[in-house]
Amino acid sequence: MRVAALYDVHGMPWALDAVLAEVDADAIVVGGDFIYGPYPEVTLERVRRLDASVVRGNCESSPSDWDRERLSTVQLEWAAALPLAVELDGVVYCHATPADDMPVTTAVTEDRIVAETFQGVSGTVVIGHTHHQFDRTVGDVRIVNAGAVGMPYEGEVAAFWTLVEDGEPRHMRTPIDIERAVREIRASGWPMGEEFIAENLLVAVGREEAIAALESRR
């Protein structure tokens, strides 16, 4: 079975569309945080129309004011009611952990902390939340970060996702139209738009710098 794991789209439908144009899979999992970005309403409806398994991220659990202003009550309730995890072909897909959409796990998180975070979990778990791809095993659990479609921290401006084939993950990268992204974000009126363009599109977020910032917040 081939499963495309698409995480952290963050209201950027053009990035999602670019990835979907490349996906050749038997199933799709949208791994949470598809809102909180310039076009939450457009992205949510794209996700709802997909033949996909969708899990809840922290942004769906606690939508921002921007999201609440643009999403209907029905849309917000649909997002809030999504499950925290799904299992396909023996692999668990969740936003941060199977039981909580907030814990931070990075490529360098201490094994002791990872073991505590995923206590009682075994096998392969595909996560997102920290926006950078990695694949590591601690004890009985293999944690694979699918990467971020909309807001990657990879040192490169592109859309990052993961293809899981017969239980074995392979990290993927899809180019995006950066000029279109800049144009679309400016047209959206998103309050964070210019900052995001300057720091995430005109330059790439450095992977090591982002990981260090995430770890410093513990």
N, C-alpha and C. Protein backbone atom coordinates (compact mmCIF):
# COMPACT_ATOMS: atom_id res chain seq x y z
N MET A 1 0.85 -1.20 0.00
CA MET A 1 0.00 0.00 0.00
C MET A 1 0.88 1.24 0.00
N ARG A 2 0.52 2.20 -0.82
CA ARG A 2 1.25 3.46 -0.89
C ARG A 2 0.40 4.56 -0.27
N VAL A 3 0.94 5.20 0.77
CA VAL A 3 0.22 6.25 1.49
C VAL A 3 1.00 7.56 1.39
N ALA A 4 0.35 8.61 0.91
CA ALA A 4 0.96 9.94 0.86
C ALA A 4 0.59 10.70 2.13
N ALA A 5 1.60 11.08 2.91
CA ALA A 5 1.39 11.81 4.16
C ALA A 5 1.68 13.29 3.93
N LEU A 6 0.63 14.11 3.98
CA LEU A 6 0.73 15.53 3.69
C LEU A 6 0.39 16.31 4.95
N TYR A 7 1.37 16.97 5.51
CA TYR A 7 1.21 17.62 6.81
C TYR A 7 1.49 19.12 6.72
N ASP A 8 0.92 19.86 7.67
CA ASP A 8 1.26 21.28 7.87
C ASP A 8 1.19 22.09 6.58
N VAL A 9 0.00 22.08 5.98
CA VAL A 9 -0.23 22.87 4.77
C VAL A 9 -0.36 24.35 5.11
N HIS A 10 -0.92 24.65 6.25
CA HIS A 10 -1.00 26.01 6.79
C HIS A 10 -1.60 27.02 5.81
N GLY A 11 -2.78 26.69 5.31
CA GLY A 11 -3.54 27.66 4.54
C GLY A 11 -2.92 28.07 3.23
N MET A 12 -2.11 27.19 2.64
CA MET A 12 -1.43 27.50 1.39
C MET A 12 -1.88 26.51 0.31
N PRO A 13 -3.04 26.74 -0.30
CA PRO A 13 -3.62 25.76 -1.22
C PRO A 13 -2.79 25.49 -2.46
N TRP A 14 -2.02 26.49 -2.92
CA TRP A 14 -1.18 26.26 -4.11
C TRP A 14 -0.08 25.25 -3.82
N ALA A 15 0.43 25.24 -2.59
CA ALA A 15 1.44 24.24 -2.22
C ALA A 15 0.81 22.86 -2.16
N LEU A 16 -0.39 22.77 -1.59
CA LEU A 16 -1.10 21.50 -1.54
C LEU A 16 -1.39 21.00 -2.96
N ASP A 17 -1.83 21.88 -3.83
CA ASP A 17 -2.13 21.48 -5.21
C ASP A 17 -0.89 20.97 -5.93
N ALA A 18 0.25 21.61 -5.68
CA ALA A 18 1.50 21.17 -6.32
C ALA A 18 1.85 19.75 -5.90
N VAL A 19 1.69 19.45 -4.62
CA VAL A 19 1.98 18.10 -4.13
C VAL A 19 0.98 17.10 -4.69
N LEU A 20 -0.29 17.44 -4.65
CA LEU A 20 -1.32 16.52 -5.14
C LEU A 20 -1.11 16.17 -6.61
N ALA A 21 -0.57 17.11 -7.37
CA ALA A 21 -0.31 16.83 -8.78
C ALA A 21 0.76 15.77 -8.97
N GLU A 22 1.60 15.55 -7.94
CA GLU A 22 2.68 14.57 -8.01
C GLU A 22 2.32 13.25 -7.32
N VAL A 23 1.32 13.28 -6.46
CA VAL A 23 1.02 12.10 -5.63
C VAL A 23 0.52 10.95 -6.49
N ASP A 24 1.14 9.80 -6.29
CA ASP A 24 0.69 8.54 -6.89
C ASP A 24 0.60 7.55 -5.74
N ALA A 25 -0.57 7.44 -5.14
CA ALA A 25 -0.72 6.65 -3.92
C ALA A 25 -2.09 6.01 -3.87
N ASP A 26 -2.20 5.00 -3.02
CA ASP A 26 -3.48 4.33 -2.79
C ASP A 26 -4.33 5.08 -1.77
N ALA A 27 -3.68 5.86 -0.92
CA ALA A 27 -4.38 6.60 0.12
C ALA A 27 -3.61 7.86 0.45
N ILE A 28 -4.33 8.84 0.95
CA ILE A 28 -3.74 10.11 1.38
C ILE A 28 -4.11 10.34 2.84
N VAL A 29 -3.14 10.80 3.62
CA VAL A 29 -3.40 11.26 4.98
C VAL A 29 -3.03 12.73 5.06
N VAL A 30 -3.95 13.55 5.51
CA VAL A 30 -3.65 14.96 5.80
C VAL A 30 -3.44 15.05 7.30
N GLY A 31 -2.22 15.41 7.68
CA GLY A 31 -1.81 15.26 9.06
C GLY A 31 -1.94 16.45 9.97
N GLY A 32 -2.98 17.28 9.76
CA GLY A 32 -3.22 18.37 10.68
C GLY A 32 -2.51 19.66 10.33
N ASP A 33 -2.95 20.75 10.95
CA ASP A 33 -2.47 22.10 10.69
C ASP A 33 -2.59 22.46 9.22
N PHE A 34 -3.75 22.20 8.66
CA PHE A 34 -4.00 22.63 7.29
C PHE A 34 -4.59 24.04 7.26
N ILE A 35 -5.03 24.56 8.44
CA ILE A 35 -5.41 25.97 8.54
C ILE A 35 -4.25 26.73 9.19
N TYR A 36 -4.52 27.94 9.67
CA TYR A 36 -3.50 28.86 10.19
C TYR A 36 -2.50 29.23 9.09
N GLY A 37 -2.99 30.10 8.21
CA GLY A 37 -2.22 30.58 7.08
C GLY A 37 -3.09 31.54 6.30
N PRO A 38 -2.66 31.96 5.12
CA PRO A 38 -3.39 33.00 4.41
C PRO A 38 -4.78 32.63 3.92
N TYR A 39 -5.00 31.36 3.55
CA TYR A 39 -6.29 30.96 3.00
C TYR A 39 -6.84 29.72 3.71
N PRO A 40 -7.24 29.86 4.98
CA PRO A 40 -7.74 28.69 5.71
C PRO A 40 -9.02 28.13 5.11
N GLU A 41 -9.91 29.01 4.62
CA GLU A 41 -11.20 28.55 4.10
C GLU A 41 -11.03 27.75 2.81
N VAL A 42 -10.16 28.23 1.92
CA VAL A 42 -9.91 27.52 0.66
C VAL A 42 -9.23 26.18 0.94
N THR A 43 -8.25 26.19 1.81
CA THR A 43 -7.50 24.97 2.09
C THR A 43 -8.37 23.93 2.78
N LEU A 44 -9.17 24.37 3.75
CA LEU A 44 -10.04 23.42 4.44
C LEU A 44 -11.00 22.75 3.44
N GLU A 45 -11.56 23.51 2.53
CA GLU A 45 -12.48 22.91 1.57
C GLU A 45 -11.76 21.97 0.60
N ARG A 46 -10.52 22.29 0.23
CA ARG A 46 -9.73 21.36 -0.59
C ARG A 46 -9.56 20.04 0.16
N VAL A 47 -9.23 20.14 1.44
CA VAL A 47 -9.01 18.94 2.25
C VAL A 47 -10.30 18.14 2.39
N ARG A 48 -11.41 18.82 2.64
CA ARG A 48 -12.69 18.12 2.80
C ARG A 48 -13.09 17.37 1.54
N ARG A 49 -12.72 17.90 0.38
CA ARG A 49 -13.12 17.26 -0.88
C ARG A 49 -12.23 16.08 -1.25
N LEU A 50 -11.07 15.99 -0.60
CA LEU A 50 -10.16 14.88 -0.91
C LEU A 50 -10.73 13.55 -0.40
N ASP A 51 -10.41 12.51 -1.10
CA ASP A 51 -10.67 11.17 -0.58
C ASP A 51 -9.47 10.83 0.30
N ALA A 52 -9.51 11.30 1.54
CA ALA A 52 -8.34 11.22 2.40
C ALA A 52 -8.75 10.98 3.84
N SER A 53 -7.82 10.41 4.62
CA SER A 53 -7.95 10.37 6.07
C SER A 53 -7.35 11.66 6.61
N VAL A 54 -8.06 12.33 7.49
CA VAL A 54 -7.61 13.63 8.00
C VAL A 54 -7.53 13.57 9.51
N VAL A 55 -6.41 14.02 10.07
CA VAL A 55 -6.27 14.10 11.52
C VAL A 55 -6.17 15.55 11.96
N ARG A 56 -6.44 15.75 13.21
CA ARG A 56 -6.49 17.09 13.78
C ARG A 56 -5.10 17.53 14.26
N GLY A 57 -4.74 18.75 13.95
CA GLY A 57 -3.53 19.35 14.50
C GLY A 57 -3.89 20.39 15.54
N ASN A 58 -2.89 20.97 16.15
CA ASN A 58 -3.15 21.98 17.17
C ASN A 58 -3.86 23.21 16.62
N CYS A 59 -3.65 23.51 15.35
CA CYS A 59 -4.31 24.68 14.76
C CYS A 59 -5.79 24.43 14.54
N GLU A 60 -6.19 23.19 14.34
CA GLU A 60 -7.61 22.86 14.26
C GLU A 60 -8.23 22.78 15.66
N SER A 61 -7.44 22.37 16.63
CA SER A 61 -7.94 22.31 18.00
C SER A 61 -8.17 23.70 18.58
N SER A 62 -7.27 24.64 18.25
CA SER A 62 -7.35 26.01 18.78
C SER A 62 -7.15 27.01 17.64
N PRO A 63 -8.17 27.24 16.83
CA PRO A 63 -8.02 28.13 15.68
C PRO A 63 -7.69 29.56 16.09
N SER A 64 -6.91 30.22 15.27
CA SER A 64 -6.57 31.62 15.50
C SER A 64 -7.76 32.51 15.20
N ASP A 65 -7.69 33.77 15.60
CA ASP A 65 -8.75 34.72 15.28
C ASP A 65 -8.93 34.85 13.77
N TRP A 66 -7.82 34.86 13.04
CA TRP A 66 -7.88 34.95 11.57
C TRP A 66 -8.68 33.78 11.00
N ASP A 67 -8.40 32.59 11.50
CA ASP A 67 -9.12 31.41 11.03
C ASP A 67 -10.61 31.51 11.37
N ARG A 68 -10.91 31.92 12.60
CA ARG A 68 -12.30 31.98 13.04
C ARG A 68 -13.10 33.01 12.24
N GLU A 69 -12.44 34.07 11.81
CA GLU A 69 -13.12 35.09 11.02
C GLU A 69 -13.48 34.58 9.62
N ARG A 70 -12.73 33.59 9.14
CA ARG A 70 -12.90 33.14 7.76
C ARG A 70 -13.58 31.79 7.61
N LEU A 71 -13.68 31.06 8.68
CA LEU A 71 -14.31 29.75 8.62
C LEU A 71 -15.69 29.79 9.25
N SER A 72 -16.61 29.06 8.66
CA SER A 72 -17.96 28.99 9.20
C SER A 72 -17.99 28.11 10.45
N THR A 73 -19.07 28.20 11.19
CA THR A 73 -19.23 27.34 12.37
C THR A 73 -19.18 25.87 11.97
N VAL A 74 -19.80 25.53 10.86
CA VAL A 74 -19.79 24.15 10.38
C VAL A 74 -18.35 23.69 10.08
N GLN A 75 -17.58 24.55 9.43
CA GLN A 75 -16.19 24.20 9.10
C GLN A 75 -15.36 24.04 10.37
N LEU A 76 -15.52 24.96 11.31
CA LEU A 76 -14.75 24.88 12.56
C LEU A 76 -15.11 23.62 13.35
N GLU A 77 -16.39 23.29 13.39
CA GLU A 77 -16.82 22.09 14.12
C GLU A 77 -16.30 20.83 13.44
N TRP A 78 -16.31 20.81 12.12
CA TRP A 78 -15.77 19.66 11.40
C TRP A 78 -14.30 19.46 11.73
N ALA A 79 -13.52 20.55 11.71
CA ALA A 79 -12.09 20.45 11.99
C ALA A 79 -11.83 20.01 13.43
N ALA A 80 -12.60 20.56 14.37
CA ALA A 80 -12.40 20.24 15.78
C ALA A 80 -12.76 18.79 16.09
N ALA A 81 -13.64 18.19 15.29
CA ALA A 81 -14.09 16.82 15.56
C ALA A 81 -13.21 15.76 14.91
N LEU A 82 -12.19 16.18 14.19
CA LEU A 82 -11.30 15.20 13.54
C LEU A 82 -10.56 14.38 14.58
N PRO A 83 -10.19 13.15 14.25
CA PRO A 83 -9.45 12.32 15.21
C PRO A 83 -8.02 12.79 15.37
N LEU A 84 -7.43 12.42 16.49
CA LEU A 84 -6.02 12.75 16.73
C LEU A 84 -5.09 11.83 15.95
N ALA A 85 -5.54 10.65 15.58
CA ALA A 85 -4.67 9.68 14.91
C ALA A 85 -5.51 8.74 14.06
N VAL A 86 -4.88 8.22 13.01
CA VAL A 86 -5.47 7.15 12.21
C VAL A 86 -4.37 6.11 11.96
N GLU A 87 -4.78 4.90 11.68
CA GLU A 87 -3.81 3.84 11.35
C GLU A 87 -4.14 3.28 9.97
N LEU A 88 -3.13 3.23 9.13
CA LEU A 88 -3.27 2.65 7.80
C LEU A 88 -2.11 1.70 7.55
N ASP A 89 -2.42 0.50 7.17
CA ASP A 89 -1.41 -0.49 6.79
C ASP A 89 -0.35 -0.67 7.89
N GLY A 90 -0.80 -0.63 9.14
CA GLY A 90 0.11 -0.85 10.27
C GLY A 90 0.91 0.35 10.71
N VAL A 91 0.71 1.50 10.08
CA VAL A 91 1.43 2.72 10.44
C VAL A 91 0.45 3.71 11.05
N VAL A 92 0.85 4.35 12.16
CA VAL A 92 0.02 5.34 12.82
C VAL A 92 0.39 6.73 12.30
N TYR A 93 -0.63 7.51 11.97
CA TYR A 93 -0.44 8.89 11.50
C TYR A 93 -1.11 9.83 12.50
N CYS A 94 -0.34 10.80 13.00
CA CYS A 94 -0.87 11.77 13.95
C CYS A 94 -0.10 13.07 13.78
N HIS A 95 -0.60 14.13 14.39
CA HIS A 95 0.08 15.42 14.20
C HIS A 95 1.35 15.53 15.05
N ALA A 96 1.24 15.21 16.33
CA ALA A 96 2.40 15.31 17.23
C ALA A 96 2.63 14.01 17.98
N THR A 97 1.59 13.47 18.60
CA THR A 97 1.59 12.11 19.17
C THR A 97 0.19 11.55 18.97
N PRO A 98 0.00 10.26 19.15
CA PRO A 98 -1.35 9.69 18.98
C PRO A 98 -2.36 10.20 19.99
N ALA A 99 -1.89 10.78 21.09
CA ALA A 99 -2.81 11.20 22.14
C ALA A 99 -2.85 12.70 22.38
N ASP A 100 -1.98 13.47 21.73
CA ASP A 100 -1.85 14.89 22.02
C ASP A 100 -1.27 15.58 20.79
N ASP A 101 -1.88 16.70 20.38
CA ASP A 101 -1.39 17.37 19.17
C ASP A 101 -0.38 18.48 19.44
N MET A 102 0.20 18.54 20.64
CA MET A 102 1.10 19.62 20.99
C MET A 102 2.56 19.25 21.28
N PRO A 103 2.91 18.05 21.77
CA PRO A 103 4.30 17.78 22.12
C PRO A 103 5.26 17.99 20.95
N VAL A 104 6.43 18.53 21.27
CA VAL A 104 7.44 18.84 20.26
C VAL A 104 8.49 17.73 20.21
N THR A 105 8.67 17.18 19.02
CA THR A 105 9.73 16.20 18.78
C THR A 105 10.50 16.65 17.55
N THR A 106 11.81 16.80 17.71
CA THR A 106 12.65 17.22 16.59
C THR A 106 13.67 16.13 16.27
N ALA A 107 14.48 16.42 15.27
CA ALA A 107 15.52 15.47 14.87
C ALA A 107 16.56 15.27 15.95
N VAL A 108 16.65 16.19 16.91
CA VAL A 108 17.70 16.10 17.94
C VAL A 108 17.14 15.99 19.35
N THR A 109 15.85 15.85 19.51
CA THR A 109 15.28 15.70 20.85
C THR A 109 15.92 14.51 21.56
N GLU A 110 16.28 14.70 22.82
CA GLU A 110 16.93 13.63 23.57
C GLU A 110 16.09 12.36 23.55
N ASP A 111 16.76 11.21 23.43
CA ASP A 111 16.07 9.93 23.42
C ASP A 111 15.17 9.77 24.64
N ARG A 112 15.64 10.25 25.79
CA ARG A 112 14.87 10.13 27.03
C ARG A 112 13.52 10.85 26.90
N ILE A 113 13.55 12.03 26.30
CA ILE A 113 12.31 12.79 26.13
C ILE A 113 11.41 12.14 25.10
N VAL A 114 12.00 11.64 24.02
CA VAL A 114 11.21 10.96 23.00
C VAL A 114 10.52 9.73 23.60
N ALA A 115 11.26 8.97 24.40
CA ALA A 115 10.69 7.78 25.02
C ALA A 115 9.52 8.14 25.94
N GLU A 116 9.65 9.25 26.67
CA GLU A 116 8.56 9.69 27.54
C GLU A 116 7.36 10.16 26.72
N THR A 117 7.64 10.89 25.65
CA THR A 117 6.56 11.43 24.82
C THR A 117 5.74 10.33 24.17
N PHE A 118 6.42 9.26 23.75
CA PHE A 118 5.76 8.17 23.04
C PHE A 118 5.65 6.91 23.90
N GLN A 119 5.57 7.10 25.20
CA GLN A 119 5.45 5.97 26.12
C GLN A 119 4.23 5.12 25.76
N GLY A 120 4.43 3.83 25.66
CA GLY A 120 3.35 2.92 25.35
C GLY A 120 3.05 2.77 23.87
N VAL A 121 3.81 3.48 23.02
CA VAL A 121 3.61 3.42 21.58
C VAL A 121 4.71 2.58 20.97
N SER A 122 4.39 1.76 19.98
CA SER A 122 5.40 0.97 19.28
C SER A 122 5.10 1.00 17.79
N GLY A 123 6.08 0.58 17.02
CA GLY A 123 5.92 0.57 15.58
C GLY A 123 6.23 1.93 14.97
N THR A 124 5.80 2.13 13.73
CA THR A 124 6.09 3.37 13.01
C THR A 124 4.97 4.39 13.21
N VAL A 125 5.37 5.59 13.58
CA VAL A 125 4.44 6.70 13.78
C VAL A 125 4.90 7.85 12.90
N VAL A 126 4.03 8.33 12.03
CA VAL A 126 4.33 9.48 11.17
C VAL A 126 3.71 10.72 11.80
N ILE A 127 4.56 11.71 12.05
CA ILE A 127 4.13 12.94 12.71
C ILE A 127 4.45 14.15 11.82
N GLY A 128 4.08 15.32 12.32
CA GLY A 128 4.45 16.58 11.68
C GLY A 128 4.79 17.56 12.78
N HIS A 129 4.11 18.72 12.80
CA HIS A 129 4.14 19.69 13.89
C HIS A 129 5.42 20.51 13.96
N THR A 130 6.59 19.89 13.73
CA THR A 130 7.84 20.64 13.85
C THR A 130 8.47 20.96 12.50
N HIS A 131 7.77 20.65 11.41
CA HIS A 131 8.05 21.21 10.09
C HIS A 131 9.41 20.84 9.48
N HIS A 132 10.01 19.77 9.93
CA HIS A 132 11.24 19.31 9.28
C HIS A 132 11.25 17.78 9.27
N GLN A 133 11.75 17.23 8.19
CA GLN A 133 11.74 15.78 8.01
C GLN A 133 12.85 15.12 8.80
N PHE A 134 12.52 13.99 9.41
CA PHE A 134 13.53 13.14 10.03
C PHE A 134 12.95 11.75 10.19
N ASP A 135 13.82 10.82 10.49
CA ASP A 135 13.43 9.41 10.66
C ASP A 135 14.34 8.86 11.74
N ARG A 136 13.78 8.57 12.91
CA ARG A 136 14.60 8.08 14.01
C ARG A 136 13.85 7.03 14.81
N THR A 137 14.62 6.15 15.41
CA THR A 137 14.04 5.07 16.21
C THR A 137 14.55 5.18 17.64
N VAL A 138 13.62 5.13 18.58
CA VAL A 138 13.94 5.15 20.00
C VAL A 138 13.18 4.01 20.65
N GLY A 139 13.89 3.02 21.12
CA GLY A 139 13.23 1.87 21.71
C GLY A 139 12.39 1.14 20.68
N ASP A 140 11.11 0.97 20.98
CA ASP A 140 10.21 0.22 20.11
C ASP A 140 9.45 1.09 19.11
N VAL A 141 9.72 2.39 19.11
CA VAL A 141 8.97 3.28 18.23
C VAL A 141 9.89 3.94 17.20
N ARG A 142 9.43 3.94 15.97
CA ARG A 142 10.10 4.65 14.88
C ARG A 142 9.28 5.90 14.57
N ILE A 143 9.88 7.07 14.76
CA ILE A 143 9.18 8.32 14.55
C ILE A 143 9.68 8.94 13.25
N VAL A 144 8.76 9.18 12.33
CA VAL A 144 9.07 9.77 11.04
C VAL A 144 8.32 11.09 10.93
N ASN A 145 9.06 12.17 10.73
CA ASN A 145 8.40 13.45 10.50
C ASN A 145 8.19 13.62 9.00
N ALA A 146 6.94 13.82 8.60
CA ALA A 146 6.60 13.90 7.17
C ALA A 146 7.09 15.18 6.52
N GLY A 147 7.43 16.20 7.32
CA GLY A 147 7.78 17.49 6.74
C GLY A 147 6.55 18.36 6.59
N ALA A 148 6.74 19.58 6.12
CA ALA A 148 5.65 20.54 5.99
C ALA A 148 5.43 20.90 4.53
N VAL A 149 4.18 20.81 4.11
CA VAL A 149 3.84 21.23 2.75
C VAL A 149 3.88 22.75 2.62
N GLY A 150 3.37 23.46 3.64
CA GLY A 150 3.23 24.90 3.52
C GLY A 150 4.26 25.75 4.21
N MET A 151 4.87 25.27 5.30
CA MET A 151 5.83 26.08 6.07
C MET A 151 7.04 25.24 6.47
N PRO A 152 7.83 24.78 5.52
CA PRO A 152 8.94 23.90 5.88
C PRO A 152 10.12 24.63 6.51
N TYR A 153 10.81 23.91 7.38
CA TYR A 153 12.07 24.37 7.96
C TYR A 153 13.17 23.45 7.46
N GLU A 154 13.53 23.59 6.21
CA GLU A 154 14.43 22.63 5.57
C GLU A 154 15.62 23.28 4.87
N GLY A 155 15.74 24.61 4.97
CA GLY A 155 16.81 25.28 4.25
C GLY A 155 16.55 25.38 2.76
N GLU A 156 15.31 25.15 2.34
CA GLU A 156 14.93 25.21 0.93
C GLU A 156 13.45 25.55 0.85
N VAL A 157 13.10 26.40 -0.11
CA VAL A 157 11.71 26.76 -0.31
C VAL A 157 11.08 25.76 -1.27
N ALA A 158 10.24 24.89 -0.73
CA ALA A 158 9.55 23.85 -1.49
C ALA A 158 8.49 23.27 -0.59
N ALA A 159 7.75 22.29 -1.09
CA ALA A 159 6.76 21.58 -0.27
C ALA A 159 7.33 20.21 0.06
N PHE A 160 7.33 19.84 1.34
CA PHE A 160 7.92 18.59 1.79
C PHE A 160 6.84 17.67 2.34
N TRP A 161 6.91 16.39 1.97
CA TRP A 161 5.91 15.40 2.37
C TRP A 161 6.57 14.04 2.38
N THR A 162 5.80 13.00 2.69
CA THR A 162 6.37 11.66 2.80
C THR A 162 5.46 10.64 2.14
N LEU A 163 6.08 9.73 1.42
CA LEU A 163 5.37 8.60 0.83
C LEU A 163 5.73 7.36 1.62
N VAL A 164 4.72 6.66 2.12
CA VAL A 164 4.94 5.43 2.89
C VAL A 164 4.46 4.26 2.03
N GLU A 165 5.41 3.43 1.62
CA GLU A 165 5.08 2.31 0.73
C GLU A 165 5.32 1.00 1.46
N ASP A 166 4.24 0.24 1.66
CA ASP A 166 4.30 -1.01 2.41
C ASP A 166 4.97 -0.82 3.76
N GLY A 167 4.65 0.29 4.41
CA GLY A 167 5.15 0.57 5.74
C GLY A 167 6.50 1.24 5.80
N GLU A 168 7.15 1.42 4.66
CA GLU A 168 8.48 2.02 4.64
C GLU A 168 8.40 3.46 4.12
N PRO A 169 8.78 4.45 4.93
CA PRO A 169 8.65 5.85 4.54
C PRO A 169 9.79 6.33 3.65
N ARG A 170 9.44 7.23 2.75
CA ARG A 170 10.43 7.89 1.89
C ARG A 170 10.09 9.37 1.83
N HIS A 171 11.03 10.19 2.24
CA HIS A 171 10.80 11.63 2.24
C HIS A 171 10.80 12.18 0.82
N MET A 172 9.87 13.09 0.57
CA MET A 172 9.67 13.65 -0.75
C MET A 172 9.74 15.18 -0.68
N ARG A 173 9.97 15.78 -1.85
CA ARG A 173 10.05 17.24 -1.97
C ARG A 173 9.45 17.64 -3.31
N THR A 174 8.58 18.64 -3.29
CA THR A 174 7.93 19.12 -4.50
C THR A 174 8.21 20.61 -4.67
N PRO A 175 8.71 21.04 -5.83
CA PRO A 175 8.91 22.48 -6.06
C PRO A 175 7.57 23.23 -6.05
N ILE A 176 7.60 24.48 -5.64
CA ILE A 176 6.41 25.33 -5.71
C ILE A 176 6.74 26.58 -6.51
N ASP A 177 5.71 27.25 -6.99
CA ASP A 177 5.86 28.51 -7.71
C ASP A 177 5.98 29.63 -6.67
N ILE A 178 7.19 30.06 -6.40
CA ILE A 178 7.43 31.03 -5.33
C ILE A 178 6.81 32.38 -5.68
N GLU A 179 6.92 32.81 -6.93
CA GLU A 179 6.33 34.10 -7.32
C GLU A 179 4.82 34.09 -7.10
N ARG A 180 4.18 32.98 -7.44
CA ARG A 180 2.74 32.87 -7.21
C ARG A 180 2.45 32.91 -5.71
N ALA A 181 3.25 32.20 -4.92
CA ALA A 181 3.03 32.19 -3.47
C ALA A 181 3.10 33.60 -2.90
N VAL A 182 4.09 34.37 -3.31
CA VAL A 182 4.22 35.75 -2.83
C VAL A 182 2.99 36.56 -3.24
N ARG A 183 2.59 36.43 -4.48
CA ARG A 183 1.43 37.17 -5.00
C ARG A 183 0.15 36.80 -4.25
N GLU A 184 -0.07 35.51 -4.05
CA GLU A 184 -1.28 35.05 -3.39
C GLU A 184 -1.34 35.50 -1.93
N ILE A 185 -0.21 35.42 -1.25
CA ILE A 185 -0.19 35.81 0.17
C ILE A 185 -0.46 37.30 0.30
N ARG A 186 0.14 38.12 -0.56
CA ARG A 186 -0.11 39.56 -0.49
C ARG A 186 -1.57 39.88 -0.77
N ALA A 187 -2.20 39.13 -1.66
CA ALA A 187 -3.60 39.38 -1.99
C ALA A 187 -4.55 38.96 -0.87
N SER A 188 -4.09 38.07 0.00
CA SER A 188 -4.97 37.51 1.04
C SER A 188 -5.28 38.49 2.17
N GLY A 189 -4.37 39.43 2.42
CA GLY A 189 -4.53 40.31 3.56
C GLY A 189 -4.14 39.69 4.88
N TRP A 190 -3.56 38.51 4.84
CA TRP A 190 -3.11 37.82 6.06
C TRP A 190 -2.16 38.73 6.83
N PRO A 191 -2.42 39.01 8.11
CA PRO A 191 -1.58 39.94 8.87
C PRO A 191 -0.11 39.53 8.94
N MET A 192 0.16 38.23 8.90
CA MET A 192 1.55 37.77 8.96
C MET A 192 2.19 37.64 7.58
N GLY A 193 1.48 38.08 6.55
CA GLY A 193 1.91 37.82 5.19
C GLY A 193 3.28 38.35 4.82
N GLU A 194 3.52 39.62 5.06
CA GLU A 194 4.80 40.21 4.66
C GLU A 194 5.97 39.60 5.43
N GLU A 195 5.74 39.34 6.70
CA GLU A 195 6.79 38.69 7.50
C GLU A 195 7.08 37.30 6.96
N PHE A 196 6.04 36.56 6.63
CA PHE A 196 6.24 35.21 6.10
C PHE A 196 6.96 35.25 4.77
N ILE A 197 6.58 36.16 3.90
CA ILE A 197 7.24 36.29 2.60
C ILE A 197 8.73 36.57 2.79
N ALA A 198 9.04 37.51 3.68
CA ALA A 198 10.44 37.90 3.87
C ALA A 198 11.28 36.79 4.49
N GLU A 199 10.67 36.01 5.39
CA GLU A 199 11.45 35.04 6.17
C GLU A 199 11.31 33.60 5.70
N ASN A 200 10.29 33.31 4.87
CA ASN A 200 10.04 31.92 4.48
C ASN A 200 10.00 31.68 2.97
N LEU A 201 9.86 32.75 2.19
CA LEU A 201 9.78 32.58 0.74
C LEU A 201 10.94 33.23 0.01
N LEU A 202 11.26 34.48 0.36
CA LEU A 202 12.39 35.14 -0.30
C LEU A 202 13.72 34.56 0.17
N VAL A 203 13.71 33.97 1.35
CA VAL A 203 14.82 33.16 1.84
C VAL A 203 14.22 31.89 2.44
N ALA A 204 15.04 30.89 2.64
CA ALA A 204 14.57 29.64 3.24
C ALA A 204 14.90 29.62 4.72
N VAL A 205 14.00 29.05 5.51
CA VAL A 205 14.26 28.88 6.94
C VAL A 205 15.33 27.81 7.13
N GLY A 206 16.39 28.14 7.84
CA GLY A 206 17.46 27.18 8.07
C GLY A 206 17.01 26.05 8.98
N ARG A 207 17.33 24.84 8.60
CA ARG A 207 16.90 23.66 9.35
C ARG A 207 17.48 23.66 10.76
N GLU A 208 18.78 23.81 10.88
CA GLU A 208 19.44 23.74 12.20
C GLU A 208 18.97 24.87 13.11
N GLU A 209 18.83 26.06 12.54
CA GLU A 209 18.37 27.20 13.32
C GLU A 209 16.96 26.96 13.85
N ALA A 210 16.09 26.41 13.00
CA ALA A 210 14.71 26.15 13.41
C ALA A 210 14.65 25.09 14.49
N ILE A 211 15.43 24.03 14.32
CA ILE A 211 15.46 22.96 15.34
C ILE A 211 15.94 23.51 16.68
N ALA A 212 16.97 24.32 16.65
CA ALA A 212 17.49 24.90 17.89
C ALA A 212 16.43 25.77 18.56
N ALA A 213 15.67 26.53 17.77
CA ALA A 213 14.62 27.38 18.33
C ALA A 213 13.51 26.53 18.95
N LEU A 214 13.13 25.46 18.28
CA LEU A 214 12.09 24.57 18.82
C LEU A 214 12.53 23.94 20.13
N GLU A 215 13.76 23.47 20.17
CA GLU A 215 14.27 22.82 21.39
C GLU A 215 14.42 23.80 22.54
N SER A 216 14.70 25.05 22.23
CA SER A 216 14.90 26.05 23.28
C SER A 216 13.62 26.40 24.02
N ARG A 217 12.47 26.04 23.45
CA ARG A 217 11.19 26.38 24.07
C ARG A 217 10.71 25.36 25.09
N ARG A 218 11.48 24.32 25.32
CA ARG A 218 11.05 23.31 26.28
C ARG A 218 11.02 23.89 27.71
